[in-house]
PDB file of all heavy atoms in Angstrom:
ATOM      1  N   THR A   1       0.778  -1.224   0.024  1.00  0.00           N
ATOM      2  CA  THR A   1      -0.025  -0.014  -0.020  1.00  0.00           C
ATOM      3  C   THR A   1       0.866   1.253  -0.001  1.00  0.00           C
ATOM      4  O   THR A   1       1.972   1.232   0.460  1.00  0.00           O
ATOM      5  CB  THR A   1      -0.918  -0.006   1.252  1.00  0.00           C
ATOM      6  OG1 THR A   1      -1.661   1.223   1.253  1.00  0.00           O
ATOM      7  CG2 THR A   1      -0.140  -0.076   2.506  1.00  0.00           C
ATOM      8  N   GLY A   2       0.252   2.243  -0.445  1.00  0.00           N
ATOM      9  CA  GLY A   2       0.866   3.609  -0.375  1.00  0.00           C
ATOM     10  C   GLY A   2       0.492   4.178   0.966  1.00  0.00           C
ATOM     11  O   GLY A   2      -0.268   3.532   1.760  1.00  0.00           O
ATOM     12  N   GLU A   3       0.871   5.439   1.269  1.00  0.00           N
ATOM     13  CA  GLU A   3       0.510   6.101   2.563  1.00  0.00           C
ATOM     14  C   GLU A   3      -0.935   6.559   2.371  1.00  0.00           C
ATOM     15  O   GLU A   3      -1.287   7.404   1.542  1.00  0.00           O
ATOM     16  CB  GLU A   3       1.394   7.214   2.846  1.00  0.00           C
ATOM     17  CG  GLU A   3       2.800   6.807   3.289  1.00  0.00           C
ATOM     18  CD  GLU A   3       3.649   7.986   3.588  1.00  0.00           C
ATOM     19  OE1 GLU A   3       3.841   8.836   2.660  1.00  0.00           O
ATOM     20  OE2 GLU A   3       4.127   8.140   4.761  1.00  0.00           O
ATOM     21  N   THR A   4      -1.822   6.026   3.174  1.00  0.00           N
ATOM     22  CA  THR A   4      -3.206   6.421   3.144  1.00  0.00           C
ATOM     23  C   THR A   4      -3.879   6.015   4.468  1.00  0.00           C
ATOM     24  O   THR A   4      -3.593   5.026   5.103  1.00  0.00           O
ATOM     25  CB  THR A   4      -3.999   5.704   2.051  1.00  0.00           C
ATOM     26  OG1 THR A   4      -5.418   5.984   2.204  1.00  0.00           O
ATOM     27  CG2 THR A   4      -3.738   4.220   1.978  1.00  0.00           C
ATOM     28  N   ASP A   5      -4.924   6.826   4.903  1.00  0.00           N
ATOM     29  CA  ASP A   5      -5.586   6.541   6.129  1.00  0.00           C
ATOM     30  C   ASP A   5      -6.512   5.355   5.876  1.00  0.00           C
ATOM     31  O   ASP A   5      -6.980   4.811   6.763  1.00  0.00           O
ATOM     32  CB  ASP A   5      -6.471   7.834   6.482  1.00  0.00           C
ATOM     33  CG  ASP A   5      -7.107   7.626   7.889  1.00  0.00           C
ATOM     34  OD1 ASP A   5      -6.310   7.612   8.843  1.00  0.00           O
ATOM     35  OD2 ASP A   5      -8.353   7.625   7.959  1.00  0.00           O
ATOM     36  N   GLY A   6      -6.643   5.019   4.575  1.00  0.00           N
ATOM     37  CA  GLY A   6      -7.492   3.850   4.223  1.00  0.00           C
ATOM     38  C   GLY A   6      -6.955   2.537   4.696  1.00  0.00           C
ATOM     39  O   GLY A   6      -7.731   1.507   4.723  1.00  0.00           O
ATOM     40  N   VAL A   7      -5.723   2.524   5.116  1.00  0.00           N
ATOM     41  CA  VAL A   7      -5.134   1.356   5.739  1.00  0.00           C
ATOM     42  C   VAL A   7      -5.921   0.839   6.927  1.00  0.00           C
ATOM     43  O   VAL A   7      -5.817  -0.302   7.356  1.00  0.00           O
ATOM     44  CB  VAL A   7      -3.669   1.533   6.059  1.00  0.00           C
ATOM     45  CG1 VAL A   7      -3.098   0.293   6.761  1.00  0.00           C
ATOM     46  CG2 VAL A   7      -2.844   1.717   4.726  1.00  0.00           C
ATOM     47  N   ARG A   8      -6.676   1.775   7.546  1.00  0.00           N
ATOM     48  CA  ARG A   8      -7.480   1.523   8.712  1.00  0.00           C
ATOM     49  C   ARG A   8      -8.445   0.344   8.393  1.00  0.00           C
ATOM     50  O   ARG A   8      -8.796  -0.488   9.306  1.00  0.00           O
ATOM     51  CB  ARG A   8      -8.235   2.755   9.154  1.00  0.00           C
ATOM     52  CG  ARG A   8      -7.340   3.729   9.807  1.00  0.00           C
ATOM     53  CD  ARG A   8      -8.255   4.949  10.250  1.00  0.00           C
ATOM     54  NE  ARG A   8      -7.353   5.958  10.761  1.00  0.00           N
ATOM     55  CZ  ARG A   8      -6.895   6.088  12.081  1.00  0.00           C
ATOM     56  NH1 ARG A   8      -7.262   5.111  12.921  1.00  0.00           N
ATOM     57  NH2 ARG A   8      -6.175   7.062  12.459  1.00  0.00           N
ATOM     58  N   LEU A   9      -8.888   0.279   7.162  1.00  0.00           N
ATOM     59  CA  LEU A   9      -9.787  -0.766   6.672  1.00  0.00           C
ATOM     60  C   LEU A   9      -9.181  -2.130   6.846  1.00  0.00           C
ATOM     61  O   LEU A   9      -9.796  -3.120   7.372  1.00  0.00           O
ATOM     62  CB  LEU A   9     -10.306  -0.587   5.241  1.00  0.00           C
ATOM     63  CG  LEU A   9     -11.207  -1.633   4.643  1.00  0.00           C
ATOM     64  CD1 LEU A   9     -12.493  -1.746   5.417  1.00  0.00           C
ATOM     65  CD2 LEU A   9     -11.433  -1.339   3.263  1.00  0.00           C
ATOM     66  N   MET A  10      -7.882  -2.162   6.419  1.00  0.00           N
ATOM     67  CA  MET A  10      -7.152  -3.442   6.531  1.00  0.00           C
ATOM     68  C   MET A  10      -6.886  -3.769   8.002  1.00  0.00           C
ATOM     69  O   MET A  10      -6.962  -4.943   8.387  1.00  0.00           O
ATOM     70  CB  MET A  10      -5.828  -3.323   5.764  1.00  0.00           C
ATOM     71  CG  MET A  10      -5.919  -2.764   4.374  1.00  0.00           C
ATOM     72  SD  MET A  10      -6.920  -3.792   3.238  1.00  0.00           S
ATOM     73  CE  MET A  10      -5.675  -4.878   2.605  1.00  0.00           C
ATOM     74  N   ALA A  11      -6.608  -2.728   8.775  1.00  0.00           N
ATOM     75  CA  ALA A  11      -6.337  -2.918  10.204  1.00  0.00           C
ATOM     76  C   ALA A  11      -7.609  -3.482  10.910  1.00  0.00           C
ATOM     77  O   ALA A  11      -7.488  -4.341  11.836  1.00  0.00           O
ATOM     78  CB  ALA A  11      -5.894  -1.699  10.839  1.00  0.00           C
ATOM     79  N   LYS A  12      -8.771  -2.985  10.536  1.00  0.00           N
ATOM     80  CA  LYS A  12     -10.012  -3.385  11.106  1.00  0.00           C
ATOM     81  C   LYS A  12     -10.239  -4.900  10.817  1.00  0.00           C
ATOM     82  O   LYS A  12     -10.601  -5.650  11.745  1.00  0.00           O
ATOM     83  CB  LYS A  12     -11.185  -2.541  10.635  1.00  0.00           C
ATOM     84  CG  LYS A  12     -12.463  -2.840  11.273  1.00  0.00           C
ATOM     85  CD  LYS A  12     -13.537  -1.906  10.728  1.00  0.00           C
ATOM     86  CE  LYS A  12     -14.907  -2.197  11.415  1.00  0.00           C
ATOM     87  NZ  LYS A  12     -16.008  -1.252  10.985  1.00  0.00           N
ATOM     88  N   ALA A  13     -10.012  -5.252   9.621  1.00  0.00           N
ATOM     89  CA  ALA A  13     -10.147  -6.679   9.212  1.00  0.00           C
ATOM     90  C   ALA A  13      -9.155  -7.562  10.000  1.00  0.00           C
ATOM     91  O   ALA A  13      -9.560  -8.711  10.430  1.00  0.00           O
ATOM     92  CB  ALA A  13      -9.979  -6.869   7.688  1.00  0.00           C
ATOM     93  N   ALA A  14      -8.004  -7.175  10.091  1.00  0.00           N
ATOM     94  CA  ALA A  14      -6.937  -7.886  10.819  1.00  0.00           C
ATOM     95  C   ALA A  14      -7.299  -8.111  12.283  1.00  0.00           C
ATOM     96  O   ALA A  14      -7.166  -9.147  12.908  1.00  0.00           O
ATOM     97  CB  ALA A  14      -5.607  -7.248  10.732  1.00  0.00           C
ATOM     98  N   ARG A  15      -7.881  -7.041  12.875  1.00  0.00           N
ATOM     99  CA  ARG A  15      -8.236  -7.123  14.277  1.00  0.00           C
ATOM    100  C   ARG A  15      -9.387  -8.103  14.439  1.00  0.00           C
ATOM    101  O   ARG A  15      -9.417  -8.937  15.463  1.00  0.00           O
ATOM    102  CB  ARG A  15      -8.631  -5.728  14.752  1.00  0.00           C
ATOM    103  CG  ARG A  15      -9.044  -5.773  16.317  1.00  0.00           C
ATOM    104  CD  ARG A  15      -9.578  -4.317  16.738  1.00  0.00           C
ATOM    105  NE  ARG A  15     -10.733  -3.852  15.866  1.00  0.00           N
ATOM    106  CZ  ARG A  15     -11.962  -4.236  15.963  1.00  0.00           C
ATOM    107  NH1 ARG A  15     -12.252  -5.220  16.852  1.00  0.00           N
ATOM    108  NH2 ARG A  15     -12.958  -3.799  15.223  1.00  0.00           N
ATOM    109  N   ILE A  16     -10.380  -8.056  13.605  1.00  0.00           N
ATOM    110  CA  ILE A  16     -11.483  -9.016  13.731  1.00  0.00           C
ATOM    111  C   ILE A  16     -11.034 -10.399  13.595  1.00  0.00           C
ATOM    112  O   ILE A  16     -11.393 -11.324  14.320  1.00  0.00           O
ATOM    113  CB  ILE A  16     -12.608  -8.601  12.685  1.00  0.00           C
ATOM    114  CG1 ILE A  16     -13.213  -7.262  12.980  1.00  0.00           C
ATOM    115  CG2 ILE A  16     -13.601  -9.700  12.558  1.00  0.00           C
ATOM    116  CD1 ILE A  16     -14.194  -6.780  11.897  1.00  0.00           C
ATOM    117  N   LEU A  17     -10.143 -10.632  12.552  1.00  0.00           N
ATOM    118  CA  LEU A  17      -9.666 -11.967  12.317  1.00  0.00           C
ATOM    119  C   LEU A  17      -8.806 -12.537  13.355  1.00  0.00           C
ATOM    120  O   LEU A  17      -8.718 -13.771  13.708  1.00  0.00           O
ATOM    121  CB  LEU A  17      -8.944 -11.961  10.943  1.00  0.00           C
ATOM    122  CG  LEU A  17      -8.849 -13.268  10.138  1.00  0.00           C
ATOM    123  CD1 LEU A  17     -10.218 -13.802   9.826  1.00  0.00           C
ATOM    124  CD2 LEU A  17      -8.126 -13.009   8.827  1.00  0.00           C
ATOM    125  N   GLN A  18      -8.121 -11.616  14.074  1.00  0.00           N
ATOM    126  CA  GLN A  18      -7.200 -12.027  15.133  1.00  0.00           C
ATOM    127  C   GLN A  18      -7.899 -12.686  16.270  1.00  0.00           C
ATOM    128  O   GLN A  18      -7.285 -13.600  16.923  1.00  0.00           O
ATOM    129  CB  GLN A  18      -6.386 -10.796  15.662  1.00  0.00           C
ATOM    130  CG  GLN A  18      -5.296 -11.141  16.662  1.00  0.00           C
ATOM    131  CD  GLN A  18      -4.604  -9.887  17.172  1.00  0.00           C
ATOM    132  OE1 GLN A  18      -5.290  -8.910  17.489  1.00  0.00           O
ATOM    133  NE2 GLN A  18      -3.290  -9.882  17.156  1.00  0.00           N
ATOM    134  N   GLU A  19      -9.139 -12.293  16.546  1.00  0.00           N
ATOM    135  CA  GLU A  19      -9.917 -12.907  17.632  1.00  0.00           C
ATOM    136  C   GLU A  19     -10.129 -14.384  17.376  1.00  0.00           C
ATOM    137  O   GLU A  19     -10.250 -15.162  18.316  1.00  0.00           O
ATOM    138  CB  GLU A  19     -11.279 -12.196  17.756  1.00  0.00           C
ATOM    139  CG  GLU A  19     -11.161 -10.712  18.188  1.00  0.00           C
ATOM    140  CD  GLU A  19     -12.412  -9.972  18.268  1.00  0.00           C
ATOM    141  OE1 GLU A  19     -13.463 -10.726  18.210  1.00  0.00           O
ATOM    142  OE2 GLU A  19     -12.480  -8.715  18.333  1.00  0.00           O
ATOM    143  N   TYR A  20     -10.296 -14.788  16.072  1.00  0.00           N
ATOM    144  CA  TYR A  20     -10.547 -16.200  15.838  1.00  0.00           C
ATOM    145  C   TYR A  20      -9.256 -17.008  15.391  1.00  0.00           C
ATOM    146  O   TYR A  20      -9.198 -18.141  15.658  1.00  0.00           O
ATOM    147  CB  TYR A  20     -11.605 -16.227  14.655  1.00  0.00           C
ATOM    148  CG  TYR A  20     -12.820 -15.582  14.991  1.00  0.00           C
ATOM    149  CD1 TYR A  20     -13.087 -14.244  14.611  1.00  0.00           C
ATOM    150  CD2 TYR A  20     -13.898 -16.180  15.742  1.00  0.00           C
ATOM    151  CE1 TYR A  20     -14.241 -13.611  14.945  1.00  0.00           C
ATOM    152  CE2 TYR A  20     -15.070 -15.568  16.040  1.00  0.00           C
ATOM    153  CZ  TYR A  20     -15.290 -14.215  15.664  1.00  0.00           C
ATOM    154  OH  TYR A  20     -16.474 -13.606  15.958  1.00  0.00           O
ATOM    155  N   TYR A  21      -8.379 -16.296  14.753  1.00  0.00           N
ATOM    156  CA  TYR A  21      -7.152 -16.950  14.244  1.00  0.00           C
ATOM    157  C   TYR A  21      -5.922 -16.091  14.635  1.00  0.00           C
ATOM    158  O   TYR A  21      -5.339 -15.453  13.773  1.00  0.00           O
ATOM    159  CB  TYR A  21      -7.239 -17.069  12.730  1.00  0.00           C
ATOM    160  CG  TYR A  21      -8.492 -17.717  12.264  1.00  0.00           C
ATOM    161  CD1 TYR A  21      -9.464 -16.992  11.556  1.00  0.00           C
ATOM    162  CD2 TYR A  21      -8.695 -19.143  12.392  1.00  0.00           C
ATOM    163  CE1 TYR A  21     -10.633 -17.554  11.180  1.00  0.00           C
ATOM    164  CE2 TYR A  21      -9.859 -19.786  11.924  1.00  0.00           C
ATOM    165  CZ  TYR A  21     -10.889 -19.027  11.290  1.00  0.00           C
ATOM    166  OH  TYR A  21     -11.966 -19.640  10.891  1.00  0.00           O
ATOM    167  N   PRO A  22      -5.442 -16.284  15.907  1.00  0.00           N
ATOM    168  CA  PRO A  22      -4.320 -15.505  16.355  1.00  0.00           C
ATOM    169  C   PRO A  22      -3.055 -15.970  15.696  1.00  0.00           C
ATOM    170  O   PRO A  22      -2.036 -15.197  15.888  1.00  0.00           O
ATOM    171  CB  PRO A  22      -4.324 -15.777  17.888  1.00  0.00           C
ATOM    172  CG  PRO A  22      -5.086 -17.072  18.090  1.00  0.00           C
ATOM    173  CD  PRO A  22      -6.168 -17.078  16.946  1.00  0.00           C
ATOM    174  N   GLY A  23      -3.026 -16.973  15.007  1.00  0.00           N
ATOM    175  CA  GLY A  23      -1.848 -17.419  14.377  1.00  0.00           C
ATOM    176  C   GLY A  23      -1.563 -16.832  13.040  1.00  0.00           C
ATOM    177  O   GLY A  23      -0.621 -17.091  12.327  1.00  0.00           O
ATOM    178  N   ILE A  24      -2.448 -15.889  12.617  1.00  0.00           N
ATOM    179  CA  ILE A  24      -2.269 -15.148  11.329  1.00  0.00           C
ATOM    180  C   ILE A  24      -1.437 -13.900  11.537  1.00  0.00           C
ATOM    181  O   ILE A  24      -1.755 -13.136  12.520  1.00  0.00           O
ATOM    182  CB  ILE A  24      -3.608 -14.890  10.626  1.00  0.00           C
ATOM    183  CG1 ILE A  24      -4.386 -16.139  10.261  1.00  0.00           C
ATOM    184  CG2 ILE A  24      -3.408 -14.006   9.358  1.00  0.00           C
ATOM    185  CD1 ILE A  24      -5.768 -15.843   9.685  1.00  0.00           C
ATOM    186  N   HIS A  25      -0.452 -13.691  10.790  1.00  0.00           N
ATOM    187  CA  HIS A  25       0.448 -12.541  10.913  1.00  0.00           C
ATOM    188  C   HIS A  25       0.386 -11.694   9.662  1.00  0.00           C
ATOM    189  O   HIS A  25       0.147 -12.255   8.498  1.00  0.00           O
ATOM    190  CB  HIS A  25       1.830 -12.935  11.285  1.00  0.00           C
ATOM    191  CG  HIS A  25       1.931 -13.794  12.506  1.00  0.00           C
ATOM    192  ND1 HIS A  25       1.849 -13.278  13.687  1.00  0.00           N
ATOM    193  CD2 HIS A  25       2.038 -15.132  12.651  1.00  0.00           C
ATOM    194  CE1 HIS A  25       1.958 -14.212  14.624  1.00  0.00           C
ATOM    195  NE2 HIS A  25       2.064 -15.351  13.988  1.00  0.00           N
TER     196      HIS A  25
END
């Protein structure tokens, strides 16, 4: 990605997924 506040969308998805699959990095 380039520099963008839109990365928050990816961060939100990663946070949700982390609750179920903490082994994903």
